[in-house]
Amino acid sequence: MSITGIHTVGVPVSDQDRALDFYVGTLGLDKRLDAPVEQLGGRWIEVAPPGSATTIALLPGGAPGVETGIRLTTPDAAVLHQELTGHGADVGELLRWPGVPAMFTLRDPDGNGLEIVEQEAGR
């Protein structure tokens, strides 16, 4: 037996509809699954970048405002930084260090921390 991949990473949210609007409407992720789960007191919602095998589950309850450790990629960090700032998203400073891809922090409406990292096409 072996582990062969990562299917989903859970992020605690206080309002699933607001979180879904942010991740799909603001970040442009695809909604992959949205099903009521009585045991959770809400729904099982999964979102992901188009074509990604790994999803983010927007989980009800828990303690929002965590550093998720999730790194999302973009072909141009500066352009996405500007777009998200224009949408009123909570973004940090665009960081550019020699030999390191451009990146910035992002917080969802619950204060959960994400990172956006520039990645060349095909990597």
PDB file of N, CA and C in Angstrom:
ATOM      1  N   MET A   1       0.848  -1.170   0.000  1.00  0.00           N
ATOM      2  CA  MET A   1       0.000   0.000   0.000  1.00  0.00           C
ATOM      3  C   MET A   1       0.896   1.236   0.000  1.00  0.00           C
ATOM      4  N   SER A   2       0.459   2.298  -0.729  1.00  0.00           N
ATOM      5  CA  SER A   2       1.220   3.540  -0.730  1.00  0.00           C
ATOM      6  C   SER A   2       0.287   4.713  -0.958  1.00  0.00           C
ATOM      7  N   ILE A   3       0.729   5.863  -0.531  1.00  0.00           N
ATOM      8  CA  ILE A   3      -0.009   7.106  -0.789  1.00  0.00           C
ATOM      9  C   ILE A   3       0.412   7.588  -2.163  1.00  0.00           C
ATOM     10  N   THR A   4      -0.565   7.956  -2.988  1.00  0.00           N
ATOM     11  CA  THR A   4      -0.262   8.287  -4.384  1.00  0.00           C
ATOM     12  C   THR A   4      -0.565   9.730  -4.770  1.00  0.00           C
ATOM     13  N   GLY A   5      -1.055  10.544  -3.826  1.00  0.00           N
ATOM     14  CA  GLY A   5      -1.348  11.920  -4.186  1.00  0.00           C
ATOM     15  C   GLY A   5      -2.060  12.653  -3.082  1.00  0.00           C
ATOM     16  N   ILE A   6      -2.443  13.875  -3.378  1.00  0.00           N
ATOM     17  CA  ILE A   6      -3.226  14.699  -2.464  1.00  0.00           C
ATOM     18  C   ILE A   6      -4.514  15.059  -3.183  1.00  0.00           C
ATOM     19  N   HIS A   7      -5.647  14.656  -2.604  1.00  0.00           N
ATOM     20  CA  HIS A   7      -6.930  14.946  -3.234  1.00  0.00           C
ATOM     21  C   HIS A   7      -7.424  16.340  -2.862  1.00  0.00           C
ATOM     22  N   THR A   8      -7.468  16.631  -1.564  1.00  0.00           N
ATOM     23  CA  THR A   8      -8.025  17.907  -1.126  1.00  0.00           C
ATOM     24  C   THR A   8      -7.351  18.393   0.147  1.00  0.00           C
ATOM     25  N   VAL A   9      -7.379  19.703   0.338  1.00  0.00           N
ATOM     26  CA  VAL A   9      -6.880  20.344   1.542  1.00  0.00           C
ATOM     27  C   VAL A   9      -8.045  21.129   2.131  1.00  0.00           C
ATOM     28  N   GLY A  10      -8.331  20.935   3.407  1.00  0.00           N
ATOM     29  CA  GLY A  10      -9.462  21.599   4.040  1.00  0.00           C
ATOM     30  C   GLY A  10      -9.118  22.970   4.594  1.00  0.00           C
ATOM     31  N   VAL A  11     -10.044  23.910   4.418  1.00  0.00           N
ATOM     32  CA  VAL A  11      -9.906  25.258   4.951  1.00  0.00           C
ATOM     33  C   VAL A  11     -11.179  25.571   5.739  1.00  0.00           C
ATOM     34  N   PRO A  12     -11.055  25.920   7.030  1.00  0.00           N
ATOM     35  CA  PRO A  12     -12.247  26.234   7.819  1.00  0.00           C
ATOM     36  C   PRO A  12     -12.813  27.602   7.444  1.00  0.00           C
ATOM     37  N   VAL A  13     -14.129  27.667   7.274  1.00  0.00           N
ATOM     38  CA  VAL A  13     -14.785  28.935   6.936  1.00  0.00           C
ATOM     39  C   VAL A  13     -16.022  29.118   7.813  1.00  0.00           C
ATOM     40  N   SER A  14     -16.348  30.358   8.110  1.00  0.00           N
ATOM     41  CA  SER A  14     -17.516  30.642   8.943  1.00  0.00           C
ATOM     42  C   SER A  14     -18.793  30.768   8.129  1.00  0.00           C
ATOM     43  N   ASP A  15     -18.679  31.119   6.860  1.00  0.00           N
ATOM     44  CA  ASP A  15     -19.829  31.304   5.983  1.00  0.00           C
ATOM     45  C   ASP A  15     -19.483  30.682   4.629  1.00  0.00           C
ATOM     46  N   GLN A  16     -20.033  29.507   4.354  1.00  0.00           N
ATOM     47  CA  GLN A  16     -19.660  28.786   3.137  1.00  0.00           C
ATOM     48  C   GLN A  16     -20.050  29.532   1.868  1.00  0.00           C
ATOM     49  N   ASP A  17     -21.183  30.206   1.866  1.00  0.00           N
ATOM     50  CA  ASP A  17     -21.590  30.948   0.665  1.00  0.00           C
ATOM     51  C   ASP A  17     -20.628  32.094   0.378  1.00  0.00           C
ATOM     52  N   ARG A  18     -20.237  32.829   1.424  1.00  0.00           N
ATOM     53  CA  ARG A  18     -19.288  33.935   1.251  1.00  0.00           C
ATOM     54  C   ARG A  18     -17.939  33.398   0.770  1.00  0.00           C
ATOM     55  N   ALA A  19     -17.489  32.288   1.362  1.00  0.00           N
ATOM     56  CA  ALA A  19     -16.218  31.687   0.960  1.00  0.00           C
ATOM     57  C   ALA A  19     -16.281  31.218  -0.492  1.00  0.00           C
ATOM     58  N   LEU A  20     -17.384  30.563  -0.876  1.00  0.00           N
ATOM     59  CA  LEU A  20     -17.548  30.096  -2.241  1.00  0.00           C
ATOM     60  C   LEU A  20     -17.510  31.261  -3.224  1.00  0.00           C
ATOM     61  N   ASP A  21     -18.154  32.350  -2.889  1.00  0.00           N
ATOM     62  CA  ASP A  21     -18.144  33.540  -3.745  1.00  0.00           C
ATOM     63  C   ASP A  21     -16.718  34.068  -3.913  1.00  0.00           C
ATOM     64  N   PHE A  22     -15.934  34.073  -2.834  1.00  0.00           N
ATOM     65  CA  PHE A  22     -14.559  34.555  -2.909  1.00  0.00           C
ATOM     66  C   PHE A  22     -13.682  33.632  -3.755  1.00  0.00           C
ATOM     67  N   TYR A  23     -13.706  32.349  -3.448  1.00  0.00           N
ATOM     68  CA  TYR A  23     -12.816  31.412  -4.141  1.00  0.00           C
ATOM     69  C   TYR A  23     -13.196  31.248  -5.614  1.00  0.00           C
ATOM     70  N   VAL A  24     -14.479  31.281  -5.928  1.00  0.00           N
ATOM     71  CA  VAL A  24     -14.918  31.141  -7.325  1.00  0.00           C
ATOM     72  C   VAL A  24     -15.003  32.507  -7.997  1.00  0.00           C
ATOM     73  N   GLY A  25     -15.711  33.445  -7.373  1.00  0.00           N
ATOM     74  CA  GLY A  25     -15.939  34.746  -7.989  1.00  0.00           C
ATOM     75  C   GLY A  25     -14.719  35.640  -8.044  1.00  0.00           C
ATOM     76  N   THR A  26     -13.939  35.676  -6.968  1.00  0.00           N
ATOM     77  CA  THR A  26     -12.774  36.560  -6.916  1.00  0.00           C
ATOM     78  C   THR A  26     -11.507  35.880  -7.431  1.00  0.00           C
ATOM     79  N   LEU A  27     -11.250  34.654  -6.974  1.00  0.00           N
ATOM     80  CA  LEU A  27     -10.016  33.967  -7.382  1.00  0.00           C
ATOM     81  C   LEU A  27     -10.156  33.218  -8.702  1.00  0.00           C
ATOM     82  N   GLY A  28     -11.380  32.960  -9.147  1.00  0.00           N
ATOM     83  CA  GLY A  28     -11.581  32.287 -10.427  1.00  0.00           C
ATOM     84  C   GLY A  28     -11.423  30.781 -10.389  1.00  0.00           C
ATOM     85  N   LEU A  29     -11.515  30.185  -9.193  1.00  0.00           N
ATOM     86  CA  LEU A  29     -11.431  28.729  -9.109  1.00  0.00           C
ATOM     87  C   LEU A  29     -12.747  28.115  -9.570  1.00  0.00           C
ATOM     88  N   ASP A  30     -12.702  26.857  -9.954  1.00  0.00           N
ATOM     89  CA  ASP A  30     -13.901  26.123 -10.363  1.00  0.00           C
ATOM     90  C   ASP A  30     -14.543  25.479  -9.145  1.00  0.00           C
ATOM     91  N   LYS A  31     -15.871  25.480  -9.089  1.00  0.00           N
ATOM     92  CA  LYS A  31     -16.573  24.716  -8.063  1.00  0.00           C
ATOM     93  C   LYS A  31     -16.681  23.289  -8.576  1.00  0.00           C
ATOM     94  N   ARG A  32     -16.098  22.343  -7.838  1.00  0.00           N
ATOM     95  CA  ARG A  32     -16.090  20.948  -8.259  1.00  0.00           C
ATOM     96  C   ARG A  32     -17.183  20.125  -7.586  1.00  0.00           C
ATOM     97  N   LEU A  33     -17.524  20.498  -6.352  1.00  0.00           N
ATOM     98  CA  LEU A  33     -18.497  19.714  -5.595  1.00  0.00           C
ATOM     99  C   LEU A  33     -19.172  20.622  -4.587  1.00  0.00           C
ATOM    100  N   ASP A  34     -20.481  20.456  -4.441  1.00  0.00           N
ATOM    101  CA  ASP A  34     -21.246  21.212  -3.445  1.00  0.00           C
ATOM    102  C   ASP A  34     -22.422  20.338  -3.042  1.00  0.00           C
ATOM    103  N   ALA A  35     -22.279  19.637  -1.917  1.00  0.00           N
ATOM    104  CA  ALA A  35     -23.292  18.679  -1.485  1.00  0.00           C
ATOM    105  C   ALA A  35     -23.582  18.857  -0.002  1.00  0.00           C
ATOM    106  N   PRO A  36     -24.870  18.796   0.374  1.00  0.00           N
ATOM    107  CA  PRO A  36     -25.201  18.896   1.796  1.00  0.00           C
ATOM    108  C   PRO A  36     -24.671  17.676   2.557  1.00  0.00           C
ATOM    109  N   VAL A  37     -24.091  17.948   3.718  1.00  0.00           N
ATOM    110  CA  VAL A  37     -23.613  16.878   4.594  1.00  0.00           C
ATOM    111  C   VAL A  37     -24.088  17.220   5.996  1.00  0.00           C
ATOM    112  N   GLU A  38     -25.154  16.573   6.402  1.00  0.00           N
ATOM    113  CA  GLU A  38     -25.796  16.870   7.681  1.00  0.00           C
ATOM    114  C   GLU A  38     -24.819  16.767   8.849  1.00  0.00           C
ATOM    115  N   GLN A  39     -23.935  15.783   8.812  1.00  0.00           N
ATOM    116  CA  GLN A  39     -22.993  15.569   9.905  1.00  0.00           C
ATOM    117  C   GLN A  39     -22.032  16.753  10.083  1.00  0.00           C
ATOM    118  N   LEU A  40     -21.798  17.512   9.029  1.00  0.00           N
ATOM    119  CA  LEU A  40     -20.914  18.675   9.109  1.00  0.00           C
ATOM    120  C   LEU A  40     -21.644  19.938   9.541  1.00  0.00           C
ATOM    121  N   GLY A  41     -22.976  19.892   9.509  1.00  0.00           N
ATOM    122  CA  GLY A  41     -23.734  21.105   9.803  1.00  0.00           C
ATOM    123  C   GLY A  41     -23.647  22.100   8.657  1.00  0.00           C
ATOM    124  N   GLY A  42     -23.461  21.603   7.466  1.00  0.00           N
ATOM    125  CA  GLY A  42     -23.336  22.464   6.288  1.00  0.00           C
ATOM    126  C   GLY A  42     -23.190  21.614   5.052  1.00  0.00           C
ATOM    127  N   ARG A  43     -22.277  22.039   4.167  1.00  0.00           N
ATOM    128  CA  ARG A  43     -22.076  21.340   2.906  1.00  0.00           C
ATOM    129  C   ARG A  43     -20.619  20.944   2.759  1.00  0.00           C
ATOM    130  N   TRP A  44     -20.386  19.952   1.896  1.00  0.00           N
ATOM    131  CA  TRP A  44     -19.028  19.622   1.485  1.00  0.00           C
ATOM    132  C   TRP A  44     -18.826  20.334   0.161  1.00  0.00           C
ATOM    133  N   ILE A  45     -17.964  21.347   0.173  1.00  0.00           N
ATOM    134  CA  ILE A  45     -17.715  22.155  -1.022  1.00  0.00           C
ATOM    135  C   ILE A  45     -16.246  22.024  -1.379  1.00  0.00           C
ATOM    136  N   GLU A  46     -15.986  21.692  -2.649  1.00  0.00           N
ATOM    137  CA  GLU A  46     -14.609  21.642  -3.140  1.00  0.00           C
ATOM    138  C   GLU A  46     -14.456  22.592  -4.318  1.00  0.00           C
ATOM    139  N   VAL A  47     -13.376  23.366  -4.305  1.00  0.00           N
ATOM    140  CA  VAL A  47     -13.028  24.277  -5.392  1.00  0.00           C
ATOM    141  C   VAL A  47     -11.588  23.971  -5.804  1.00  0.00           C
ATOM    142  N   ALA A  48     -11.236  24.343  -7.037  1.00  0.00           N
ATOM    143  CA  ALA A  48      -9.878  24.094  -7.519  1.00  0.00           C
ATOM    144  C   ALA A  48      -9.577  24.980  -8.718  1.00  0.00           C
ATOM    145  N   PRO A  49      -8.289  25.266  -8.935  1.00  0.00           N
ATOM    146  CA  PRO A  49      -7.920  25.932 -10.177  1.00  0.00           C
ATOM    147  C   PRO A  49      -8.301  25.037 -11.357  1.00  0.00           C
ATOM    148  N   PRO A  50      -8.678  25.616 -12.489  1.00  0.00           N
ATOM    149  CA  PRO A  50      -9.015  24.809 -13.660  1.00  0.00           C
ATOM    150  C   PRO A  50      -7.897  23.822 -13.987  1.00  0.00           C
ATOM    151  N   GLY A  51      -8.252  22.560 -14.164  1.00  0.00           N
ATOM    152  CA  GLY A  51      -7.294  21.526 -14.520  1.00  0.00           C
ATOM    153  C   GLY A  51      -6.514  20.928 -13.373  1.00  0.00           C
ATOM    154  N   SER A  52      -6.675  21.456 -12.166  1.00  0.00           N
ATOM    155  CA  SER A  52      -5.922  20.946 -11.022  1.00  0.00           C
ATOM    156  C   SER A  52      -6.514  19.647 -10.496  1.00  0.00           C
ATOM    157  N   ALA A  53      -5.653  18.724 -10.095  1.00  0.00           N
ATOM    158  CA  ALA A  53      -6.111  17.476  -9.500  1.00  0.00           C
ATOM    159  C   ALA A  53      -6.428  17.649  -8.019  1.00  0.00           C
ATOM    160  N   THR A  54      -5.807  18.614  -7.372  1.00  0.00           N
ATOM    161  CA  THR A  54      -6.008  18.851  -5.943  1.00  0.00           C
ATOM    162  C   THR A  54      -7.039  19.952  -5.741  1.00  0.00           C
ATOM    163  N   THR A  55      -7.944  19.732  -4.789  1.00  0.00           N
ATOM    164  CA  THR A  55      -8.997  20.705  -4.504  1.00  0.00           C
ATOM    165  C   THR A  55      -8.816  21.299  -3.114  1.00  0.00           C
ATOM    166  N   ILE A  56      -9.549  22.385  -2.872  1.00  0.00           N
ATOM    167  CA  ILE A  56      -9.644  23.003  -1.550  1.00  0.00           C
ATOM    168  C   ILE A  56     -11.069  22.783  -1.075  1.00  0.00           C
ATOM    169  N   ALA A  57     -11.224  22.160   0.094  1.00  0.00           N
ATOM    170  CA  ALA A  57     -12.547  21.950   0.682  1.00  0.00           C
ATOM    171  C   ALA A  57     -12.841  23.106   1.624  1.00  0.00           C
ATOM    172  N   LEU A  58     -13.979  23.779   1.409  1.00  0.00           N
ATOM    173  CA  LEU A  58     -14.407  24.898   2.252  1.00  0.00           C
ATOM    174  C   LEU A  58     -15.300  24.326   3.343  1.00  0.00           C
ATOM    175  N   LEU A  59     -14.722  24.085   4.519  1.00  0.00           N
ATOM    176  CA  LEU A  59     -15.379  23.333   5.570  1.00  0.00           C
ATOM    177  C   LEU A  59     -16.063  24.235   6.593  1.00  0.00           C
ATOM    178  N   PRO A  60     -17.310  23.924   6.949  1.00  0.00           N
ATOM    179  CA  PRO A  60     -18.004  24.722   7.956  1.00  0.00           C
ATOM    180  C   PRO A  60     -17.425  24.446   9.344  1.00  0.00           C
ATOM    181  N   GLY A  61     -17.500  25.460  10.191  1.00  0.00           N
ATOM    182  CA  GLY A  61     -17.053  25.275  11.570  1.00  0.00           C
ATOM    183  C   GLY A  61     -15.550  25.367  11.685  1.00  0.00           C
ATOM    184  N   GLY A  62     -15.035  24.800  12.745  1.00  0.00           N
ATOM    185  CA  GLY A  62     -13.596  24.894  12.973  1.00  0.00           C
ATOM    186  C   GLY A  62     -13.225  26.313  13.356  1.00  0.00           C
ATOM    187  N   ALA A  63     -11.957  26.592  13.334  1.00  0.00           N
ATOM    188  CA  ALA A  63     -11.449  27.914  13.700  1.00  0.00           C
ATOM    189  C   ALA A  63     -10.844  28.576  12.480  1.00  0.00           C
ATOM    190  N   PRO A  64     -11.597  29.458  11.810  1.00  0.00           N
ATOM    191  CA  PRO A  64     -11.026  30.148  10.651  1.00  0.00           C
ATOM    192  C   PRO A  64      -9.920  31.110  11.076  1.00  0.00           C
ATOM    193  N   GLY A  65      -9.204  31.594  10.108  1.00  0.00           N
ATOM    194  CA  GLY A  65      -8.107  32.520  10.375  1.00  0.00           C
ATOM    195  C   GLY A  65      -6.784  31.809  10.541  1.00  0.00           C
ATOM    196  N   VAL A  66      -6.612  30.690   9.839  1.00  0.00           N
ATOM    197  CA  VAL A  66      -5.391  29.899   9.954  1.00  0.00           C
ATOM    198  C   VAL A  66      -4.461  30.182   8.780  1.00  0.00           C
ATOM    199  N   GLU A  67      -3.195  29.873   8.966  1.00  0.00           N
ATOM    200  CA  GLU A  67      -2.251  29.876   7.856  1.00  0.00           C
ATOM    201  C   GLU A  67      -2.388  28.502   7.208  1.00  0.00           C
ATOM    202  N   THR A  68      -2.957  28.455   6.017  1.00  0.00           N
ATOM    203  CA  THR A  68      -3.271  27.184   5.383  1.00  0.00           C
ATOM    204  C   THR A  68      -2.047  26.472   4.828  1.00  0.00           C
ATOM    205  N   GLY A  69      -1.025  27.213   4.465  1.00  0.00           N
ATOM    206  CA  GLY A  69       0.137  26.612   3.806  1.00  0.00           C
ATOM    207  C   GLY A  69      -0.109  26.346   2.330  1.00  0.00           C
ATOM    208  N   ILE A  70      -1.264  26.747   1.823  1.00  0.00           N
ATOM    209  CA  ILE A  70      -1.605  26.519   0.420  1.00  0.00           C
ATOM    210  C   ILE A  70      -0.909  27.559  -0.450  1.00  0.00           C
ATOM    211  N   ARG A  71      -0.210  27.076  -1.463  1.00  0.00           N
ATOM    212  CA  ARG A  71       0.450  27.942  -2.447  1.00  0.00           C
ATOM    213  C   ARG A  71      -0.258  27.763  -3.772  1.00  0.00           C
ATOM    214  N   LEU A  72      -0.923  28.803  -4.242  1.00  0.00           N
ATOM    215  CA  LEU A  72      -1.580  28.800  -5.548  1.00  0.00           C
ATOM    216  C   LEU A  72      -0.620  29.438  -6.551  1.00  0.00           C
ATOM    217  N   THR A  73      -0.658  28.983  -7.795  1.00  0.00           N
ATOM    218  CA  THR A  73       0.267  29.511  -8.791  1.00  0.00           C
ATOM    219  C   THR A  73      -0.449  30.364  -9.826  1.00  0.00           C
ATOM    220  N   THR A  74       0.325  31.248 -10.432  1.00  0.00           N
ATOM    221  CA  THR A  74      -0.150  32.132 -11.486  1.00  0.00           C
ATOM    222  C   THR A  74       1.014  32.396 -12.436  1.00  0.00           C
ATOM    223  N   PRO A  75       0.735  32.626 -13.718  1.00  0.00           N
ATOM    224  CA  PRO A  75       1.833  32.926 -14.640  1.00  0.00           C
ATOM    225  C   PRO A  75       2.407  34.332 -14.441  1.00  0.00           C
ATOM    226  N   ASP A  76       1.649  35.250 -13.806  1.00  0.00           N
ATOM    227  CA  ASP A  76       2.132  36.628 -13.613  1.00  0.00           C
ATOM    228  C   ASP A  76       1.617  37.159 -12.279  1.00  0.00           C
ATOM    229  N   ALA A  77       2.464  37.097 -11.265  1.00  0.00           N
ATOM    230  CA  ALA A  77       2.068  37.516  -9.920  1.00  0.00           C
ATOM    231  C   ALA A  77       1.713  38.993  -9.856  1.00  0.00           C
ATOM    232  N   ALA A  78       2.422  39.834 -10.585  1.00  0.00           N
ATOM    233  CA  ALA A  78       2.158  41.276 -10.540  1.00  0.00           C
ATOM    234  C   ALA A  78       0.765  41.602 -11.092  1.00  0.00           C
ATOM    235  N   VAL A  79       0.393  40.966 -12.202  1.00  0.00           N
ATOM    236  CA  VAL A  79      -0.921  41.212 -12.800  1.00  0.00           C
ATOM    237  C   VAL A  79      -2.029  40.724 -11.861  1.00  0.00           C
ATOM    238  N   LEU A  80      -1.876  39.517 -11.305  1.00  0.00           N
ATOM    239  CA  LEU A  80      -2.897  38.995 -10.391  1.00  0.00           C
ATOM    240  C   LEU A  80      -2.977  39.838  -9.130  1.00  0.00           C
ATOM    241  N   HIS A  81      -1.846  40.288  -8.619  1.00  0.00           N
ATOM    242  CA  HIS A  81      -1.824  41.157  -7.436  1.00  0.00           C
ATOM    243  C   HIS A  81      -2.651  42.405  -7.691  1.00  0.00           C
ATOM    244  N   GLN A  82      -2.444  43.013  -8.847  1.00  0.00           N
ATOM    245  CA  GLN A  82      -3.181  44.230  -9.208  1.00  0.00           C
ATOM    246  C   GLN A  82      -4.678  43.941  -9.354  1.00  0.00           C
ATOM    247  N   GLU A  83      -5.035  42.835 -10.001  1.00  0.00           N
ATOM    248  CA  GLU A  83      -6.445  42.479 -10.180  1.00  0.00           C
ATOM    249  C   GLU A  83      -7.131  42.235  -8.835  1.00  0.00           C
ATOM    250  N   LEU A  84      -6.480  41.470  -7.960  1.00  0.00           N
ATOM    251  CA  LEU A  84      -7.079  41.171  -6.658  1.00  0.00           C
ATOM    252  C   LEU A  84      -7.201  42.430  -5.795  1.00  0.00           C
ATOM    253  N   THR A  85      -6.205  43.306  -5.878  1.00  0.00           N
ATOM    254  CA  THR A  85      -6.280  44.577  -5.160  1.00  0.00           C
ATOM    255  C   THR A  85      -7.479  45.380  -5.662  1.00  0.00           C
ATOM    256  N   GLY A  86      -7.695  45.380  -6.973  1.00  0.00           N
ATOM    257  CA  GLY A  86      -8.836  46.073  -7.563  1.00  0.00           C
ATOM    258  C   GLY A  86     -10.177  45.509  -7.121  1.00  0.00           C
ATOM    259  N   HIS A  87     -10.211  44.215  -6.783  1.00  0.00           N
ATOM    260  CA  HIS A  87     -11.436  43.578  -6.289  1.00  0.00           C
ATOM    261  C   HIS A  87     -11.604  43.762  -4.784  1.00  0.00           C
ATOM    262  N   GLY A  88     -10.666  44.469  -4.157  1.00  0.00           N
ATOM    263  CA  GLY A  88     -10.748  44.704  -2.718  1.00  0.00           C
ATOM    264  C   GLY A  88     -10.276  43.534  -1.872  1.00  0.00           C
ATOM    265  N   ALA A  89      -9.562  42.588  -2.467  1.00  0.00           N
ATOM    266  CA  ALA A  89      -9.061  41.441  -1.708  1.00  0.00           C
ATOM    267  C   ALA A  89      -7.941  41.892  -0.770  1.00  0.00           C
ATOM    268  N   ASP A  90      -7.780  41.165   0.319  1.00  0.00           N
ATOM    269  CA  ASP A  90      -6.754  41.442   1.323  1.00  0.00           C
ATOM    270  C   ASP A  90      -5.444  40.791   0.870  1.00  0.00           C
ATOM    271  N   VAL A  91      -4.627  41.562   0.151  1.00  0.00           N
ATOM    272  CA  VAL A  91      -3.365  41.044  -0.372  1.00  0.00           C
ATOM    273  C   VAL A  91      -2.192  41.743   0.303  1.00  0.00           C
ATOM    274  N   GLY A  92      -1.104  41.007   0.455  1.00  0.00           N
ATOM    275  CA  GLY A  92       0.120  41.583   0.998  1.00  0.00           C
ATOM    276  C   GLY A  92       0.970  42.173  -0.110  1.00  0.00           C
ATOM    277  N   GLU A  93       2.130  42.636   0.273  1.00  0.00           N
ATOM    278  CA  GLU A  93       3.075  43.235  -0.659  1.00  0.00           C
ATOM    279  C   GLU A  93       3.570  42.201  -1.672  1.00  0.00           C
ATOM    280  N   LEU A  94       3.746  42.632  -2.910  1.00  0.00           N
ATOM    281  CA  LEU A  94       4.328  41.777  -3.943  1.00  0.00           C
ATOM    282  C   LEU A  94       5.821  41.664  -3.659  1.00  0.00           C
ATOM    283  N   LEU A  95       6.282  40.450  -3.391  1.00  0.00           N
ATOM    284  CA  LEU A  95       7.679  40.224  -3.025  1.00  0.00           C
ATOM    285  C   LEU A  95       8.459  39.728  -4.240  1.00  0.00           C
ATOM    286  N   ARG A  96       9.607  40.328  -4.447  1.00  0.00           N
ATOM    287  CA  ARG A  96      10.503  39.922  -5.537  1.00  0.00           C
ATOM    288  C   ARG A  96      11.911  39.828  -4.957  1.00  0.00           C
ATOM    289  N   TRP A  97      12.421  38.595  -4.900  1.00  0.00           N
ATOM    290  CA  TRP A  97      13.773  38.350  -4.410  1.00  0.00           C
ATOM    291  C   TRP A  97      14.579  37.709  -5.527  1.00  0.00           C
ATOM    292  N   PRO A  98      15.871  38.016  -5.633  1.00  0.00           N
ATOM    293  CA  PRO A  98      16.700  37.408  -6.680  1.00  0.00           C
ATOM    294  C   PRO A  98      16.665  35.882  -6.606  1.00  0.00           C
ATOM    295  N   GLY A  99      16.411  35.251  -7.748  1.00  0.00           N
ATOM    296  CA  GLY A  99      16.418  33.793  -7.837  1.00  0.00           C
ATOM    297  C   GLY A  99      15.196  33.095  -7.284  1.00  0.00           C
ATOM    298  N   VAL A 100      14.191  33.861  -6.835  1.00  0.00           N
ATOM    299  CA  VAL A 100      12.979  33.288  -6.241  1.00  0.00           C
ATOM    300  C   VAL A 100      11.772  33.822  -7.022  1.00  0.00           C
ATOM    301  N   PRO A 101      10.774  32.986  -7.296  1.00  0.00           N
ATOM    302  CA  PRO A 101       9.598  33.479  -8.013  1.00  0.00           C
ATOM    303  C   PRO A 101       8.882  34.596  -7.233  1.00  0.00           C
ATOM    304  N   ALA A 102       8.317  35.548  -7.962  1.00  0.00           N
ATOM    305  CA  ALA A 102       7.533  36.609  -7.325  1.00  0.00           C
ATOM    306  C   ALA A 102       6.358  35.968  -6.591  1.00  0.00           C
ATOM    307  N   MET A 103       5.976  36.573  -5.449  1.00  0.00           N
ATOM    308  CA  MET A 103       4.886  36.006  -4.651  1.00  0.00           C
ATOM    309  C   MET A 103       4.274  37.071  -3.759  1.00  0.00           C
ATOM    310  N   PHE A 104       3.069  36.752  -3.257  1.00  0.00           N
ATOM    311  CA  PHE A 104       2.426  37.623  -2.275  1.00  0.00           C
ATOM    312  C   PHE A 104       1.444  36.805  -1.449  1.00  0.00           C
ATOM    313  N   THR A 105       1.114  37.353  -0.291  1.00  0.00           N
ATOM    314  CA  THR A 105       0.143  36.700   0.580  1.00  0.00           C
ATOM    315  C   THR A 105      -1.257  37.176   0.226  1.00  0.00           C
ATOM    316  N   LEU A 106      -2.225  36.367   0.604  1.00  0.00           N
ATOM    317  CA  LEU A 106      -3.629  36.654   0.345  1.00  0.00           C
ATOM    318  C   LEU A 106      -4.422  36.094   1.513  1.00  0.00           C
ATOM    319  N   ARG A 107      -5.430  36.831   1.953  1.00  0.00           N
ATOM    320  CA  ARG A 107      -6.322  36.349   3.011  1.00  0.00           C
ATOM    321  C   ARG A 107      -7.733  36.275   2.461  1.00  0.00           C
ATOM    322  N   ASP A 108      -8.396  35.143   2.750  1.00  0.00           N
ATOM    323  CA  ASP A 108      -9.787  35.006   2.336  1.00  0.00           C
ATOM    324  C   ASP A 108     -10.672  35.791   3.316  1.00  0.00           C
ATOM    325  N   PRO A 109     -11.986  35.857   3.112  1.00  0.00           N
ATOM    326  CA  PRO A 109     -12.852  36.649   3.997  1.00  0.00           C
ATOM    327  C   PRO A 109     -12.810  36.229   5.466  1.00  0.00           C
ATOM    328  N   ASP A 110     -12.383  34.994   5.764  1.00  0.00           N
ATOM    329  CA  ASP A 110     -12.251  34.544   7.150  1.00  0.00           C
ATOM    330  C   ASP A 110     -10.849  34.771   7.706  1.00  0.00           C
ATOM    331  N   GLY A 111      -9.973  35.374   6.922  1.00  0.00           N
ATOM    332  CA  GLY A 111      -8.614  35.619   7.387  1.00  0.00           C
ATOM    333  C   GLY A 111      -7.676  34.443   7.199  1.00  0.00           C
ATOM    334  N   ASN A 112      -8.122  33.402   6.488  1.00  0.00           N
ATOM    335  CA  ASN A 112      -7.248  32.261   6.207  1.00  0.00           C
ATOM    336  C   ASN A 112      -6.162  32.699   5.233  1.00  0.00           C
ATOM    337  N   GLY A 113      -4.911  32.383   5.561  1.00  0.00           N
ATOM    338  CA  GLY A 113      -3.781  32.817   4.752  1.00  0.00           C
ATOM    339  C   GLY A 113      -3.455  31.857   3.624  1.00  0.00           C
ATOM    340  N   LEU A 114      -3.263  32.410   2.438  1.00  0.00           N
ATOM    341  CA  LEU A 114      -2.841  31.678   1.242  1.00  0.00           C
ATOM    342  C   LEU A 114      -1.637  32.418   0.673  1.00  0.00           C
ATOM    343  N   GLU A 115      -0.890  31.754  -0.181  1.00  0.00           N
ATOM    344  CA  GLU A 115       0.205  32.392  -0.898  1.00  0.00           C
ATOM    345  C   GLU A 115      -0.057  32.252  -2.393  1.00  0.00           C
ATOM    346  N   ILE A 116       0.290  33.287  -3.130  1.00  0.00           N
ATOM    347  CA  ILE A 116       0.231  33.247  -4.597  1.00  0.00           C
ATOM    348  C   ILE A 116       1.676  33.304  -5.073  1.00  0.00           C
ATOM    349  N   VAL A 117       2.074  32.329  -5.906  1.00  0.00           N
ATOM    350  CA  VAL A 117       3.459  32.227  -6.369  1.00  0.00           C
ATOM    351  C   VAL A 117       3.460  32.192  -7.894  1.00  0.00           C
ATOM    352  N   GLU A 118       4.330  33.005  -8.475  1.00  0.00           N
ATOM    353  CA  GLU A 118       4.463  33.014  -9.934  1.00  0.00           C
ATOM    354  C   GLU A 118       5.145  31.735 -10.389  1.00  0.00           C
ATOM    355  N   GLN A 119       4.578  31.118 -11.412  1.00  0.00           N
ATOM    356  CA  GLN A 119       5.162  29.899 -11.947  1.00  0.00           C
ATOM    357  C   GLN A 119       5.110  29.934 -13.467  1.00  0.00           C
ATOM    358  N   GLU A 120       6.233  29.631 -14.063  1.00  0.00           N
ATOM    359  CA  GLU A 120       6.319  29.619 -15.522  1.00  0.00           C
ATOM    360  C   GLU A 120       5.415  28.526 -16.083  1.00  0.00           C
ATOM    361  N   ALA A 121       4.863  28.762 -17.264  1.00  0.00           N
ATOM    362  CA  ALA A 121       4.036  27.754 -17.933  1.00  0.00           C
ATOM    363  C   ALA A 121       4.862  26.494 -18.151  1.00  0.00           C
ATOM    364  N   GLY A 122       4.235  25.353 -17.969  1.00  0.00           N
ATOM    365  CA  GLY A 122       4.896  24.088 -18.189  1.00  0.00           C
ATOM    366  C   GLY A 122       5.661  23.546 -16.983  1.00  0.00           C
ATOM    367  N   ARG A 123       5.705  24.279 -15.909  1.00  0.00           N
ATOM    368  CA  ARG A 123       6.394  23.798 -14.695  1.00  0.00           C
ATOM    369  C   ARG A 123       5.443  23.134 -13.765  1.00  0.00           C
TER     370      ARG A 123
END
